[in-house]
Amino acid sequence: MDERFPAKMDSKFRYVLVAAHRAEQLIRGGRRRLEGNDKPTTAAMAEVSQDVVEWEYGPAPVVEPPVIETEEAPEEEVH
């Protein structure tokens, strides 16, 4: 893996997701964790690279059983 990524980052894709989420927080007024006047995206990438942003995988998705549709004849209306 690239030396710019923290050890617990499992992929470049995860790095991009975490940095993008952090950049959104900064854009909306989040407090920076590192000094500097960088743009929010650059600041977010630096924070993620230096491992000062906390993140986790979250719960595993719940797999629901598939719904099996049966073809039924429409019921006739009684008047």
Protein backbone atom coordinates (compact mmCIF):
# COMPACT_ATOMS: atom_id res chain seq x y z
CA MET A 1 0.00 0.00 0.00
CA ASP A 2 1.07 3.60 -0.51
CA GLU A 3 3.03 5.20 2.34
CA ARG A 4 0.57 8.14 2.38
CA PHE A 5 -2.18 5.91 3.78
CA PRO A 6 -2.54 4.91 7.43
CA ALA A 7 -1.77 1.26 8.16
CA LYS A 8 -5.42 0.41 8.85
CA MET A 9 -6.60 1.70 5.43
CA ASP A 10 -7.34 -1.38 3.38
CA SER A 11 -7.57 0.26 -0.06
CA LYS A 12 -7.27 3.48 -2.03
CA PHE A 13 -11.04 3.38 -2.46
CA ARG A 14 -11.56 3.46 1.32
CA TYR A 15 -9.06 6.35 1.57
CA VAL A 16 -11.05 8.34 -0.99
CA LEU A 17 -14.35 7.63 0.79
CA VAL A 18 -13.05 8.65 4.21
CA ALA A 19 -11.30 11.76 2.86
CA ALA A 20 -14.41 12.82 0.91
CA HIS A 21 -16.60 12.41 3.99
CA ARG A 22 -14.12 14.41 6.07
CA ALA A 23 -13.95 17.14 3.40
CA GLU A 24 -17.75 17.46 3.57
CA GLN A 25 -17.51 17.90 7.34
CA LEU A 26 -14.92 20.64 6.90
CA ILE A 27 -16.98 22.39 4.23
CA ARG A 28 -19.97 22.41 6.59
CA GLY A 29 -17.92 24.03 9.36
CA GLY A 30 -16.14 21.14 11.04
CA ARG A 31 -13.08 22.03 13.11
CA ARG A 32 -9.74 21.20 11.50
CA ARG A 33 -7.48 18.79 13.32
CA LEU A 34 -4.29 20.04 11.66
CA GLU A 35 -3.00 23.59 11.26
CA GLY A 36 -3.02 25.24 7.84
CA ASN A 37 -5.10 27.18 5.36
CA ASP A 38 -5.48 24.39 2.81
CA LYS A 39 -8.67 23.86 0.88
CA PRO A 40 -11.09 21.46 2.63
CA THR A 41 -10.24 18.55 0.32
CA THR A 42 -6.48 18.97 0.79
CA ALA A 43 -6.90 19.37 4.55
CA ALA A 44 -9.10 16.25 4.69
CA MET A 45 -6.56 14.17 2.75
CA ALA A 46 -3.79 15.34 5.10
CA GLU A 47 -5.86 14.48 8.16
CA VAL A 48 -6.65 11.00 6.83
CA SER A 49 -3.03 10.42 5.77
CA GLN A 50 -1.76 11.37 9.23
CA ASP A 51 -4.37 9.12 10.85
CA VAL A 52 -6.06 11.86 12.91
CA VAL A 53 -9.53 11.06 11.56
CA GLU A 54 -11.43 8.32 13.36
CA TRP A 55 -13.44 5.95 11.17
CA GLU A 56 -14.73 2.40 11.29
CA TYR A 57 -16.30 -0.12 8.97
CA GLY A 58 -19.69 -0.13 10.67
CA PRO A 59 -22.05 -3.08 10.97
CA ALA A 60 -22.20 -5.69 8.25
CA PRO A 61 -25.20 -5.40 5.94
CA VAL A 62 -28.20 -7.55 6.76
CA VAL A 63 -29.02 -9.99 4.00
CA GLU A 64 -32.72 -10.47 3.56
CA PRO A 65 -34.15 -13.57 1.92
CA PRO A 66 -35.41 -13.00 -1.62
CA VAL A 67 -39.12 -12.46 -2.13
CA ILE A 68 -40.57 -15.11 -4.39
CA GLU A 69 -43.50 -13.83 -6.35
CA THR A 70 -46.17 -16.29 -7.41
CA GLU A 71 -48.42 -15.74 -10.33
CA GLU A 72 -52.03 -15.87 -9.22
CA ALA A 73 -55.15 -15.39 -11.27
CA PRO A 74 -56.83 -12.05 -10.51
CA GLU A 75 -59.92 -12.34 -8.35
CA GLU A 76 -63.19 -11.36 -9.94
CA GLU A 77 -65.12 -8.56 -8.37
CA VAL A 78 -68.58 -9.33 -7.04
CA HIS A 79 -71.19 -6.59 -7.44
